[in-house]
């Protein structure tokens, strides 16, 4: 598919997919700040792996029209959980901002979908 034939929805979905793929890899690697954050929030170690796997699944569902709504629904559920965790733990805006951007991109992708 040529760049000029891509729809705005496909572009947004691709951005969301890339972001969720990166987040999934970070969570599955269980390194550094992400590992410390999950521990600080009181989640068991396996929960970070579950989150990473679900993020990668969401990313894998987003590129295709037939599975995009399922991928956006899963991504939205992940972000609801993330926002709940961040707000419950009174995380600073630096942690909250990326979650809000991810959430806004999901909503925008659904909105342009029609």
PDB file of N, CA and C in Angstrom:
ATOM      1  N   UNK A   1       0.853  -1.181   0.000  1.00  0.00           N
ATOM      2  CA  UNK A   1       0.000   0.000   0.000  1.00  0.00           C
ATOM      3  C   UNK A   1       0.892   1.236   0.000  1.00  0.00           C
ATOM      4  N   UNK A   2       0.668   2.148  -0.895  1.00  0.00           N
ATOM      5  CA  UNK A   2       1.456   3.373  -0.997  1.00  0.00           C
ATOM      6  C   UNK A   2       1.089   4.321   0.138  1.00  0.00           C
ATOM      7  N   UNK A   3       2.055   5.147   0.523  1.00  0.00           N
ATOM      8  CA  UNK A   3       1.854   6.086   1.626  1.00  0.00           C
ATOM      9  C   UNK A   3       0.627   6.952   1.398  1.00  0.00           C
ATOM     10  N   UNK A   4       0.432   7.477   0.173  1.00  0.00           N
ATOM     11  CA  UNK A   4      -0.672   8.389  -0.101  1.00  0.00           C
ATOM     12  C   UNK A   4      -2.028   7.689  -0.081  1.00  0.00           C
ATOM     13  N   UNK A   5      -2.049   6.362  -0.085  1.00  0.00           N
ATOM     14  CA  UNK A   5      -3.327   5.662  -0.039  1.00  0.00           C
ATOM     15  C   UNK A   5      -3.725   5.269   1.385  1.00  0.00           C
ATOM     16  N   UNK A   6      -2.855   5.548   2.336  1.00  0.00           N
ATOM     17  CA  UNK A   6      -3.177   5.227   3.725  1.00  0.00           C
ATOM     18  C   UNK A   6      -4.239   6.178   4.252  1.00  0.00           C
ATOM     19  N   UNK A   7      -5.186   5.647   4.986  1.00  0.00           N
ATOM     20  CA  UNK A   7      -6.199   6.492   5.605  1.00  0.00           C
ATOM     21  C   UNK A   7      -5.661   7.054   6.916  1.00  0.00           C
ATOM     22  N   UNK A   8      -6.274   8.129   7.356  1.00  0.00           N
ATOM     23  CA  UNK A   8      -5.890   8.732   8.634  1.00  0.00           C
ATOM     24  C   UNK A   8      -6.090   7.722   9.757  1.00  0.00           C
ATOM     25  N   UNK A   9      -7.151   6.938   9.669  1.00  0.00           N
ATOM     26  CA  UNK A   9      -7.401   5.892  10.673  1.00  0.00           C
ATOM     27  C   UNK A   9      -6.250   4.889  10.710  1.00  0.00           C
ATOM     28  N   UNK A  10      -5.785   4.460   9.542  1.00  0.00           N
ATOM     29  CA  UNK A  10      -4.688   3.496   9.481  1.00  0.00           C
ATOM     30  C   UNK A  10      -3.395   4.075  10.051  1.00  0.00           C
ATOM     31  N   UNK A  11      -3.173   5.351   9.788  1.00  0.00           N
ATOM     32  CA  UNK A  11      -1.981   6.009  10.333  1.00  0.00           C
ATOM     33  C   UNK A  11      -2.048   6.056  11.855  1.00  0.00           C
ATOM     34  N   UNK A  12      -3.207   6.465  12.392  1.00  0.00           N
ATOM     35  CA  UNK A  12      -3.364   6.504  13.849  1.00  0.00           C
ATOM     36  C   UNK A  12      -3.232   5.109  14.449  1.00  0.00           C
ATOM     37  N   UNK A  13      -3.852   4.121  13.818  1.00  0.00           N
ATOM     38  CA  UNK A  13      -3.774   2.747  14.320  1.00  0.00           C
ATOM     39  C   UNK A  13      -2.338   2.242  14.313  1.00  0.00           C
ATOM     40  N   UNK A  14      -1.579   2.619  13.303  1.00  0.00           N
ATOM     41  CA  UNK A  14      -0.177   2.208  13.231  1.00  0.00           C
ATOM     42  C   UNK A  14       0.630   2.855  14.351  1.00  0.00           C
ATOM     43  N   UNK A  15       0.368   4.119  14.621  1.00  0.00           N
ATOM     44  CA  UNK A  15       1.060   4.802  15.726  1.00  0.00           C
ATOM     45  C   UNK A  15       0.740   4.108  17.042  1.00  0.00           C
ATOM     46  N   UNK A  16      -0.533   3.820  17.279  1.00  0.00           N
ATOM     47  CA  UNK A  16      -0.936   3.134  18.515  1.00  0.00           C
ATOM     48  C   UNK A  16      -0.274   1.762  18.577  1.00  0.00           C
ATOM     49  N   UNK A  17      -0.261   1.041  17.469  1.00  0.00           N
ATOM     50  CA  UNK A  17       0.353  -0.288  17.446  1.00  0.00           C
ATOM     51  C   UNK A  17       1.834  -0.225  17.789  1.00  0.00           C
ATOM     52  N   UNK A  18       2.546   0.734  17.224  1.00  0.00           N
ATOM     53  CA  UNK A  18       3.980   0.869  17.507  1.00  0.00           C
ATOM     54  C   UNK A  18       4.198   1.198  18.984  1.00  0.00           C
ATOM     55  N   UNK A  19       3.410   2.120  19.518  1.00  0.00           N
ATOM     56  CA  UNK A  19       3.552   2.484  20.932  1.00  0.00           C
ATOM     57  C   UNK A  19       3.264   1.299  21.848  1.00  0.00           C
ATOM     58  N   UNK A  20       2.222   0.531  21.531  1.00  0.00           N
ATOM     59  CA  UNK A  20       1.894  -0.626  22.365  1.00  0.00           C
ATOM     60  C   UNK A  20       2.923  -1.737  22.198  1.00  0.00           C
ATOM     61  N   UNK A  21       3.492  -1.886  21.019  1.00  0.00           N
ATOM     62  CA  UNK A  21       4.548  -2.877  20.824  1.00  0.00           C
ATOM     63  C   UNK A  21       5.781  -2.512  21.660  1.00  0.00           C
ATOM     64  N   UNK A  22       6.140  -1.245  21.660  1.00  0.00           N
ATOM     65  CA  UNK A  22       7.283  -0.792  22.470  1.00  0.00           C
ATOM     66  C   UNK A  22       6.996  -1.018  23.949  1.00  0.00           C
ATOM     67  N   UNK A  23       5.802  -0.631  24.394  1.00  0.00           N
ATOM     68  CA  UNK A  23       5.437  -0.825  25.803  1.00  0.00           C
ATOM     69  C   UNK A  23       5.452  -2.306  26.162  1.00  0.00           C
ATOM     70  N   UNK A  24       4.958  -3.150  25.251  1.00  0.00           N
ATOM     71  CA  UNK A  24       4.941  -4.585  25.516  1.00  0.00           C
ATOM     72  C   UNK A  24       6.339  -5.159  25.664  1.00  0.00           C
ATOM     73  N   UNK A  25       7.243  -4.756  24.787  1.00  0.00           N
ATOM     74  CA  UNK A  25       8.627  -5.229  24.866  1.00  0.00           C
ATOM     75  C   UNK A  25       9.284  -4.752  26.161  1.00  0.00           C
ATOM     76  N   UNK A  26       9.026  -3.515  26.531  1.00  0.00           N
ATOM     77  CA  UNK A  26       9.592  -2.983  27.780  1.00  0.00           C
ATOM     78  C   UNK A  26       9.080  -3.791  28.964  1.00  0.00           C
ATOM     79  N   UNK A  27       7.773  -4.067  29.004  1.00  0.00           N
ATOM     80  CA  UNK A  27       7.225  -4.821  30.131  1.00  0.00           C
ATOM     81  C   UNK A  27       7.696  -6.268  30.129  1.00  0.00           C
ATOM     82  N   UNK A  28       7.805  -6.885  28.971  1.00  0.00           N
ATOM     83  CA  UNK A  28       8.274  -8.272  28.924  1.00  0.00           C
ATOM     84  C   UNK A  28       9.747  -8.395  29.287  1.00  0.00           C
ATOM     85  N   UNK A  29      10.530  -7.342  29.073  1.00  0.00           N
ATOM     86  CA  UNK A  29      11.954  -7.383  29.412  1.00  0.00           C
ATOM     87  C   UNK A  29      12.176  -7.264  30.923  1.00  0.00           C
ATOM     88  N   UNK A  30      11.186  -6.726  31.642  1.00  0.00           N
ATOM     89  CA  UNK A  30      11.239  -6.585  33.113  1.00  0.00           C
ATOM     90  C   UNK A  30      12.550  -5.940  33.585  1.00  0.00           C
ATOM     91  N   UNK A  31      12.907  -4.847  32.980  1.00  0.00           N
ATOM     92  CA  UNK A  31      14.135  -4.153  33.363  1.00  0.00           C
ATOM     93  C   UNK A  31      13.827  -2.792  33.957  1.00  0.00           C
ATOM     94  N   UNK A  32      14.758  -2.308  34.732  1.00  0.00           N
ATOM     95  CA  UNK A  32      14.798  -0.931  35.181  1.00  0.00           C
ATOM     96  C   UNK A  32      13.555  -0.387  35.843  1.00  0.00           C
ATOM     97  N   UNK A  33      13.205   0.822  35.405  1.00  0.00           N
ATOM     98  CA  UNK A  33      12.134   1.589  36.041  1.00  0.00           C
ATOM     99  C   UNK A  33      10.785   0.882  35.972  1.00  0.00           C
ATOM    100  N   UNK A  34      10.494   0.235  34.856  1.00  0.00           N
ATOM    101  CA  UNK A  34       9.195  -0.441  34.728  1.00  0.00           C
ATOM    102  C   UNK A  34       9.060  -1.537  35.784  1.00  0.00           C
ATOM    103  N   UNK A  35      10.097  -2.310  35.986  1.00  0.00           N
ATOM    104  CA  UNK A  35      10.074  -3.374  36.994  1.00  0.00           C
ATOM    105  C   UNK A  35       9.887  -2.778  38.390  1.00  0.00           C
ATOM    106  N   UNK A  36      10.607  -1.714  38.685  1.00  0.00           N
ATOM    107  CA  UNK A  36      10.478  -1.055  39.995  1.00  0.00           C
ATOM    108  C   UNK A  36       9.085  -0.468  40.176  1.00  0.00           C
ATOM    109  N   UNK A  37       8.526   0.116  39.105  1.00  0.00           N
ATOM    110  CA  UNK A  37       7.189   0.704  39.193  1.00  0.00           C
ATOM    111  C   UNK A  37       6.141  -0.347  39.533  1.00  0.00           C
ATOM    112  N   UNK A  38       6.154  -1.473  38.821  1.00  0.00           N
ATOM    113  CA  UNK A  38       5.168  -2.522  39.096  1.00  0.00           C
ATOM    114  C   UNK A  38       5.289  -3.016  40.541  1.00  0.00           C
ATOM    115  N   UNK A  39       6.507  -3.167  41.025  1.00  0.00           N
ATOM    116  CA  UNK A  39       6.717  -3.601  42.416  1.00  0.00           C
ATOM    117  C   UNK A  39       6.199  -2.535  43.389  1.00  0.00           C
ATOM    118  N   UNK A  40       6.503  -1.280  43.112  1.00  0.00           N
ATOM    119  CA  UNK A  40       6.052  -0.187  43.983  1.00  0.00           C
ATOM    120  C   UNK A  40       4.532  -0.095  44.030  1.00  0.00           C
ATOM    121  N   UNK A  41       3.878  -0.419  42.920  1.00  0.00           N
ATOM    122  CA  UNK A  41       2.423  -0.362  42.868  1.00  0.00           C
ATOM    123  C   UNK A  41       1.776  -1.576  43.520  1.00  0.00           C
ATOM    124  N   UNK A  42       2.596  -2.541  43.939  1.00  0.00           N
ATOM    125  CA  UNK A  42       2.081  -3.703  44.651  1.00  0.00           C
ATOM    126  C   UNK A  42       1.633  -4.862  43.768  1.00  0.00           C
ATOM    127  N   UNK A  43       2.020  -4.853  42.496  1.00  0.00           N
ATOM    128  CA  UNK A  43       1.636  -5.934  41.599  1.00  0.00           C
ATOM    129  C   UNK A  43       2.660  -7.071  41.671  1.00  0.00           C
ATOM    130  N   UNK A  44       2.197  -8.320  41.544  1.00  0.00           N
ATOM    131  CA  UNK A  44       3.156  -9.433  41.498  1.00  0.00           C
ATOM    132  C   UNK A  44       3.966  -9.390  40.206  1.00  0.00           C
ATOM    133  N   UNK A  45       5.114 -10.048  40.208  1.00  0.00           N
ATOM    134  CA  UNK A  45       6.022 -10.005  39.055  1.00  0.00           C
ATOM    135  C   UNK A  45       5.342 -10.487  37.777  1.00  0.00           C
ATOM    136  N   UNK A  46       4.502 -11.505  37.871  1.00  0.00           N
ATOM    137  CA  UNK A  46       3.854 -12.053  36.675  1.00  0.00           C
ATOM    138  C   UNK A  46       2.916 -11.050  36.021  1.00  0.00           C
ATOM    139  N   UNK A  47       2.410 -10.079  36.792  1.00  0.00           N
ATOM    140  CA  UNK A  47       1.449  -9.124  36.238  1.00  0.00           C
ATOM    141  C   UNK A  47       2.092  -8.243  35.171  1.00  0.00           C
ATOM    142  N   UNK A  48       3.353  -7.896  35.352  1.00  0.00           N
ATOM    143  CA  UNK A  48       4.052  -7.103  34.337  1.00  0.00           C
ATOM    144  C   UNK A  48       4.190  -7.900  33.045  1.00  0.00           C
ATOM    145  N   UNK A  49       4.423  -9.197  33.167  1.00  0.00           N
ATOM    146  CA  UNK A  49       4.517 -10.049  31.976  1.00  0.00           C
ATOM    147  C   UNK A  49       3.165 -10.152  31.280  1.00  0.00           C
ATOM    148  N   UNK A  50       2.098 -10.272  32.054  1.00  0.00           N
ATOM    149  CA  UNK A  50       0.750 -10.300  31.481  1.00  0.00           C
ATOM    150  C   UNK A  50       0.459  -9.004  30.735  1.00  0.00           C
ATOM    151  N   UNK A  51       0.784  -7.881  31.358  1.00  0.00           N
ATOM    152  CA  UNK A  51       0.567  -6.580  30.707  1.00  0.00           C
ATOM    153  C   UNK A  51       1.350  -6.497  29.400  1.00  0.00           C
ATOM    154  N   UNK A  52       2.599  -6.919  29.429  1.00  0.00           N
ATOM    155  CA  UNK A  52       3.421  -6.888  28.213  1.00  0.00           C
ATOM    156  C   UNK A  52       2.838  -7.756  27.114  1.00  0.00           C
ATOM    157  N   UNK A  53       2.368  -8.937  27.474  1.00  0.00           N
ATOM    158  CA  UNK A  53       1.778  -9.835  26.476  1.00  0.00           C
ATOM    159  C   UNK A  53       0.494  -9.248  25.902  1.00  0.00           C
ATOM    160  N   UNK A  54      -0.339  -8.649  26.749  1.00  0.00           N
ATOM    161  CA  UNK A  54      -1.581  -8.043  26.268  1.00  0.00           C
ATOM    162  C   UNK A  54      -1.299  -6.821  25.385  1.00  0.00           C
ATOM    163  N   UNK A  55      -0.265  -6.057  25.736  1.00  0.00           N
ATOM    164  CA  UNK A  55       0.118  -4.908  24.904  1.00  0.00           C
ATOM    165  C   UNK A  55       0.576  -5.372  23.520  1.00  0.00           C
ATOM    166  N   UNK A  56       1.365  -6.441  23.483  1.00  0.00           N
ATOM    167  CA  UNK A  56       1.807  -6.968  22.188  1.00  0.00           C
ATOM    168  C   UNK A  56       0.637  -7.541  21.392  1.00  0.00           C
ATOM    169  N   UNK A  57      -0.294  -8.200  22.071  1.00  0.00           N
ATOM    170  CA  UNK A  57      -1.475  -8.719  21.384  1.00  0.00           C
ATOM    171  C   UNK A  57      -2.288  -7.575  20.788  1.00  0.00           C
ATOM    172  N   UNK A  58      -2.474  -6.528  21.558  1.00  0.00           N
ATOM    173  CA  UNK A  58      -3.195  -5.356  21.062  1.00  0.00           C
ATOM    174  C   UNK A  58      -2.493  -4.785  19.838  1.00  0.00           C
ATOM    175  N   UNK A  59      -1.185  -4.640  19.910  1.00  0.00           N
ATOM    176  CA  UNK A  59      -0.409  -4.110  18.783  1.00  0.00           C
ATOM    177  C   UNK A  59      -0.561  -4.998  17.548  1.00  0.00           C
ATOM    178  N   UNK A  60      -0.614  -6.297  17.748  1.00  0.00           N
ATOM    179  CA  UNK A  60      -0.735  -7.224  16.622  1.00  0.00           C
ATOM    180  C   UNK A  60      -2.115  -7.159  15.973  1.00  0.00           C
ATOM    181  N   UNK A  61      -3.141  -6.788  16.728  1.00  0.00           N
ATOM    182  CA  UNK A  61      -4.500  -6.729  16.197  1.00  0.00           C
ATOM    183  C   UNK A  61      -4.801  -5.421  15.453  1.00  0.00           C
ATOM    184  N   UNK A  62      -4.039  -4.385  15.710  1.00  0.00           N
ATOM    185  CA  UNK A  62      -4.355  -3.059  15.185  1.00  0.00           C
ATOM    186  C   UNK A  62      -4.130  -2.840  13.682  1.00  0.00           C
ATOM    187  N   UNK A  63      -3.159  -3.450  13.064  1.00  0.00           N
ATOM    188  CA  UNK A  63      -2.915  -3.129  11.646  1.00  0.00           C
ATOM    189  C   UNK A  63      -4.018  -3.541  10.674  1.00  0.00           C
ATOM    190  N   UNK A  64      -4.828  -4.499  11.008  1.00  0.00           N
ATOM    191  CA  UNK A  64      -5.835  -5.007  10.071  1.00  0.00           C
ATOM    192  C   UNK A  64      -7.226  -4.521  10.427  1.00  0.00           C
ATOM    193  N   UNK A  65      -7.956  -4.089   9.407  1.00  0.00           N
ATOM    194  CA  UNK A  65      -9.318  -3.574   9.593  1.00  0.00           C
ATOM    195  C   UNK A  65     -10.215  -4.572  10.328  1.00  0.00           C
ATOM    196  N   UNK A  66     -10.072  -5.857   9.997  1.00  0.00           N
ATOM    197  CA  UNK A  66     -10.950  -6.877  10.568  1.00  0.00           C
ATOM    198  C   UNK A  66     -10.772  -7.050  12.070  1.00  0.00           C
ATOM    199  N   UNK A  67      -9.585  -6.756  12.587  1.00  0.00           N
ATOM    200  CA  UNK A  67      -9.309  -6.954  14.016  1.00  0.00           C
ATOM    201  C   UNK A  67      -9.037  -5.646  14.760  1.00  0.00           C
ATOM    202  N   UNK A  68      -9.126  -4.538  14.049  1.00  0.00           N
ATOM    203  CA  UNK A  68      -8.751  -3.252  14.647  1.00  0.00           C
ATOM    204  C   UNK A  68      -9.620  -2.877  15.847  1.00  0.00           C
ATOM    205  N   UNK A  69     -10.931  -3.077  15.747  1.00  0.00           N
ATOM    206  CA  UNK A  69     -11.797  -2.709  16.874  1.00  0.00           C
ATOM    207  C   UNK A  69     -11.452  -3.541  18.105  1.00  0.00           C
ATOM    208  N   UNK A  70     -11.179  -4.830  17.906  1.00  0.00           N
ATOM    209  CA  UNK A  70     -10.776  -5.680  19.029  1.00  0.00           C
ATOM    210  C   UNK A  70      -9.465  -5.180  19.630  1.00  0.00           C
ATOM    211  N   UNK A  71      -8.513  -4.827  18.775  1.00  0.00           N
ATOM    212  CA  UNK A  71      -7.236  -4.300  19.249  1.00  0.00           C
ATOM    213  C   UNK A  71      -7.388  -2.987  20.002  1.00  0.00           C
ATOM    214  N   UNK A  72      -8.247  -2.106  19.496  1.00  0.00           N
ATOM    215  CA  UNK A  72      -8.495  -0.826  20.179  1.00  0.00           C
ATOM    216  C   UNK A  72      -9.232  -1.039  21.495  1.00  0.00           C
ATOM    217  N   UNK A  73     -10.150  -2.007  21.519  1.00  0.00           N
ATOM    218  CA  UNK A  73     -10.868  -2.313  22.755  1.00  0.00           C
ATOM    219  C   UNK A  73      -9.899  -2.831  23.816  1.00  0.00           C
ATOM    220  N   UNK A  74      -9.028  -3.745  23.426  1.00  0.00           N
ATOM    221  CA  UNK A  74      -8.024  -4.268  24.354  1.00  0.00           C
ATOM    222  C   UNK A  74      -7.088  -3.159  24.811  1.00  0.00           C
ATOM    223  N   UNK A  75      -6.632  -2.334  23.870  1.00  0.00           N
ATOM    224  CA  UNK A  75      -5.749  -1.214  24.232  1.00  0.00           C
ATOM    225  C   UNK A  75      -6.450  -0.258  25.190  1.00  0.00           C
ATOM    226  N   UNK A  76      -7.722   0.003  24.943  1.00  0.00           N
ATOM    227  CA  UNK A  76      -8.484   0.872  25.837  1.00  0.00           C
ATOM    228  C   UNK A  76      -8.605   0.290  27.229  1.00  0.00           C
ATOM    229  N   UNK A  77      -8.855  -1.013  27.320  1.00  0.00           N
ATOM    230  CA  UNK A  77      -8.951  -1.668  28.633  1.00  0.00           C
ATOM    231  C   UNK A  77      -7.617  -1.600  29.368  1.00  0.00           C
ATOM    232  N   UNK A  78      -6.529  -1.801  28.643  1.00  0.00           N
ATOM    233  CA  UNK A  78      -5.194  -1.698  29.239  1.00  0.00           C
ATOM    234  C   UNK A  78      -4.980  -0.292  29.790  1.00  0.00           C
ATOM    235  N   UNK A  79      -5.380   0.717  29.006  1.00  0.00           N
ATOM    236  CA  UNK A  79      -5.162   2.098  29.439  1.00  0.00           C
ATOM    237  C   UNK A  79      -6.056   2.466  30.618  1.00  0.00           C
ATOM    238  N   UNK A  80      -7.260   1.937  30.685  1.00  0.00           N
ATOM    239  CA  UNK A  80      -8.110   2.183  31.858  1.00  0.00           C
ATOM    240  C   UNK A  80      -7.408   1.644  33.102  1.00  0.00           C
ATOM    241  N   UNK A  81      -6.862   0.440  33.006  1.00  0.00           N
ATOM    242  CA  UNK A  81      -6.120  -0.127  34.133  1.00  0.00           C
ATOM    243  C   UNK A  81      -4.892   0.688  34.481  1.00  0.00           C
ATOM    244  N   UNK A  82      -4.178   1.135  33.457  1.00  0.00           N
ATOM    245  CA  UNK A  82      -2.972   1.942  33.700  1.00  0.00           C
ATOM    246  C   UNK A  82      -3.326   3.273  34.360  1.00  0.00           C
ATOM    247  N   UNK A  83      -4.347   3.940  33.837  1.00  0.00           N
ATOM    248  CA  UNK A  83      -4.753   5.228  34.419  1.00  0.00           C
ATOM    249  C   UNK A  83      -5.232   5.050  35.853  1.00  0.00           C
ATOM    250  N   UNK A  84      -6.001   3.985  36.101  1.00  0.00           N
ATOM    251  CA  UNK A  84      -6.456   3.704  37.469  1.00  0.00           C
ATOM    252  C   UNK A  84      -5.258   3.521  38.394  1.00  0.00           C
ATOM    253  N   UNK A  85      -4.275   2.732  37.956  1.00  0.00           N
ATOM    254  CA  UNK A  85      -3.081   2.495  38.769  1.00  0.00           C
ATOM    255  C   UNK A  85      -2.328   3.789  39.038  1.00  0.00           C
ATOM    256  N   UNK A  86      -2.135   4.594  38.008  1.00  0.00           N
ATOM    257  CA  UNK A  86      -1.382   5.833  38.165  1.00  0.00           C
ATOM    258  C   UNK A  86      -2.094   6.819  39.086  1.00  0.00           C
ATOM    259  N   UNK A  87      -3.400   6.937  38.927  1.00  0.00           N
ATOM    260  CA  UNK A  87      -4.158   7.860  39.786  1.00  0.00           C
ATOM    261  C   UNK A  87      -4.237   7.347  41.217  1.00  0.00           C
ATOM    262  N   UNK A  88      -4.466   6.046  41.380  1.00  0.00           N
ATOM    263  CA  UNK A  88      -4.552   5.455  42.724  1.00  0.00           C
ATOM    264  C   UNK A  88      -3.257   5.653  43.495  1.00  0.00           C
ATOM    265  N   UNK A  89      -2.137   5.582  42.794  1.00  0.00           N
ATOM    266  CA  UNK A  89      -0.833   5.715  43.428  1.00  0.00           C
ATOM    267  C   UNK A  89      -0.299   7.142  43.398  1.00  0.00           C
ATOM    268  N   UNK A  90      -1.140   8.057  42.950  1.00  0.00           N
ATOM    269  CA  UNK A  90      -0.788   9.485  42.912  1.00  0.00           C
ATOM    270  C   UNK A  90       0.565   9.722  42.246  1.00  0.00           C
ATOM    271  N   UNK A  91       0.702   9.093  41.079  1.00  0.00           N
ATOM    272  CA  UNK A  91       1.940   9.258  40.320  1.00  0.00           C
ATOM    273  C   UNK A  91       2.015  10.683  39.786  1.00  0.00           C
ATOM    274  N   UNK A  92       3.233  11.208  39.641  1.00  0.00           N
ATOM    275  CA  UNK A  92       3.378  12.565  39.101  1.00  0.00           C
ATOM    276  C   UNK A  92       2.948  12.620  37.634  1.00  0.00           C
ATOM    277  N   UNK A  93       2.722  13.841  37.159  1.00  0.00           N
ATOM    278  CA  UNK A  93       2.234  14.036  35.800  1.00  0.00           C
ATOM    279  C   UNK A  93       3.161  13.413  34.765  1.00  0.00           C
ATOM    280  N   UNK A  94       4.445  13.335  35.054  1.00  0.00           N
ATOM    281  CA  UNK A  94       5.398  12.719  34.128  1.00  0.00           C
ATOM    282  C   UNK A  94       5.058  11.272  33.813  1.00  0.00           C
ATOM    283  N   UNK A  95       4.466  10.568  34.761  1.00  0.00           N
ATOM    284  CA  UNK A  95       4.003   9.197  34.530  1.00  0.00           C
ATOM    285  C   UNK A  95       2.626   9.195  33.871  1.00  0.00           C
ATOM    286  N   UNK A  96       1.816  10.150  34.254  1.00  0.00           N
ATOM    287  CA  UNK A  96       0.436  10.189  33.771  1.00  0.00           C
ATOM    288  C   UNK A  96       0.344  10.676  32.320  1.00  0.00           C
ATOM    289  N   UNK A  97       1.217  11.590  31.919  1.00  0.00           N
ATOM    290  CA  UNK A  97       1.149  12.184  30.577  1.00  0.00           C
ATOM    291  C   UNK A  97       1.200  11.150  29.451  1.00  0.00           C
ATOM    292  N   UNK A  98       2.151  10.204  29.463  1.00  0.00           N
ATOM    293  CA  UNK A  98       2.160   9.221  28.370  1.00  0.00           C
ATOM    294  C   UNK A  98       0.874   8.382  28.328  1.00  0.00           C
ATOM    295  N   UNK A  99       0.343   8.023  29.483  1.00  0.00           N
ATOM    296  CA  UNK A  99      -0.900   7.247  29.520  1.00  0.00           C
ATOM    297  C   UNK A  99      -2.056   8.052  28.934  1.00  0.00           C
ATOM    298  N   UNK A 100      -2.074   9.343  29.184  1.00  0.00           N
ATOM    299  CA  UNK A 100      -3.117  10.196  28.613  1.00  0.00           C
ATOM    300  C   UNK A 100      -2.962  10.325  27.098  1.00  0.00           C
ATOM    301  N   UNK A 101      -1.720  10.417  26.621  1.00  0.00           N
ATOM    302  CA  UNK A 101      -1.473  10.492  25.180  1.00  0.00           C
ATOM    303  C   UNK A 101      -1.900   9.191  24.508  1.00  0.00           C
ATOM    304  N   UNK A 102      -1.510   8.048  25.085  1.00  0.00           N
ATOM    305  CA  UNK A 102      -1.923   6.748  24.536  1.00  0.00           C
ATOM    306  C   UNK A 102      -3.449   6.681  24.471  1.00  0.00           C
ATOM    307  N   UNK A 103      -4.106   7.079  25.555  1.00  0.00           N
ATOM    308  CA  UNK A 103      -5.570   7.024  25.624  1.00  0.00           C
ATOM    309  C   UNK A 103      -6.201   7.930  24.576  1.00  0.00           C
ATOM    310  N   UNK A 104      -5.656   9.126  24.428  1.00  0.00           N
ATOM    311  CA  UNK A 104      -6.190  10.062  23.428  1.00  0.00           C
ATOM    312  C   UNK A 104      -6.032   9.514  22.013  1.00  0.00           C
ATOM    313  N   UNK A 105      -4.919   8.850  21.732  1.00  0.00           N
ATOM    314  CA  UNK A 105      -4.712   8.258  20.409  1.00  0.00           C
ATOM    315  C   UNK A 105      -5.707   7.124  20.148  1.00  0.00           C
ATOM    316  N   UNK A 106      -6.016   6.347  21.165  1.00  0.00           N
ATOM    317  CA  UNK A 106      -7.000   5.278  21.018  1.00  0.00           C
ATOM    318  C   UNK A 106      -8.380   5.877  20.712  1.00  0.00           C
ATOM    319  N   UNK A 107      -8.756   6.872  21.491  1.00  0.00           N
ATOM    320  CA  UNK A 107     -10.055   7.535  21.280  1.00  0.00           C
ATOM    321  C   UNK A 107     -10.115   8.179  19.895  1.00  0.00           C
ATOM    322  N   UNK A 108      -9.038   8.838  19.490  1.00  0.00           N
ATOM    323  CA  UNK A 108      -9.009   9.478  18.167  1.00  0.00           C
ATOM    324  C   UNK A 108      -9.131   8.453  17.057  1.00  0.00           C
ATOM    325  N   UNK A 109      -8.466   7.311  17.210  1.00  0.00           N
ATOM    326  CA  UNK A 109      -8.553   6.267  16.186  1.00  0.00           C
ATOM    327  C   UNK A 109      -9.978   5.750  16.084  1.00  0.00           C
ATOM    328  N   UNK A 110     -10.618   5.543  17.228  1.00  0.00           N
ATOM    329  CA  UNK A 110     -12.031   5.115  17.208  1.00  0.00           C
ATOM    330  C   UNK A 110     -12.931   6.181  16.609  1.00  0.00           C
ATOM    331  N   UNK A 111     -12.636   7.439  16.906  1.00  0.00           N
ATOM    332  CA  UNK A 111     -13.475   8.539  16.412  1.00  0.00           C
ATOM    333  C   UNK A 111     -13.408   8.673  14.891  1.00  0.00           C
ATOM    334  N   UNK A 112     -12.222   8.543  14.315  1.00  0.00           N
ATOM    335  CA  UNK A 112     -12.124   8.678  12.859  1.00  0.00           C
ATOM    336  C   UNK A 112     -12.610   7.424  12.140  1.00  0.00           C
ATOM    337  N   UNK A 113     -12.717   6.355  12.896  1.00  0.00           N
ATOM    338  CA  UNK A 113     -13.224   5.105  12.315  1.00  0.00           C
ATOM    339  C   UNK A 113     -14.675   5.275  11.878  1.00  0.00           C
ATOM    340  N   UNK A 114     -15.393   6.096  12.631  1.00  0.00           N
ATOM    341  CA  UNK A 114     -16.764   6.393  12.218  1.00  0.00           C
ATOM    342  C   UNK A 114     -17.814   5.629  12.861  1.00  0.00           C
TER     343      UNK A 114
END
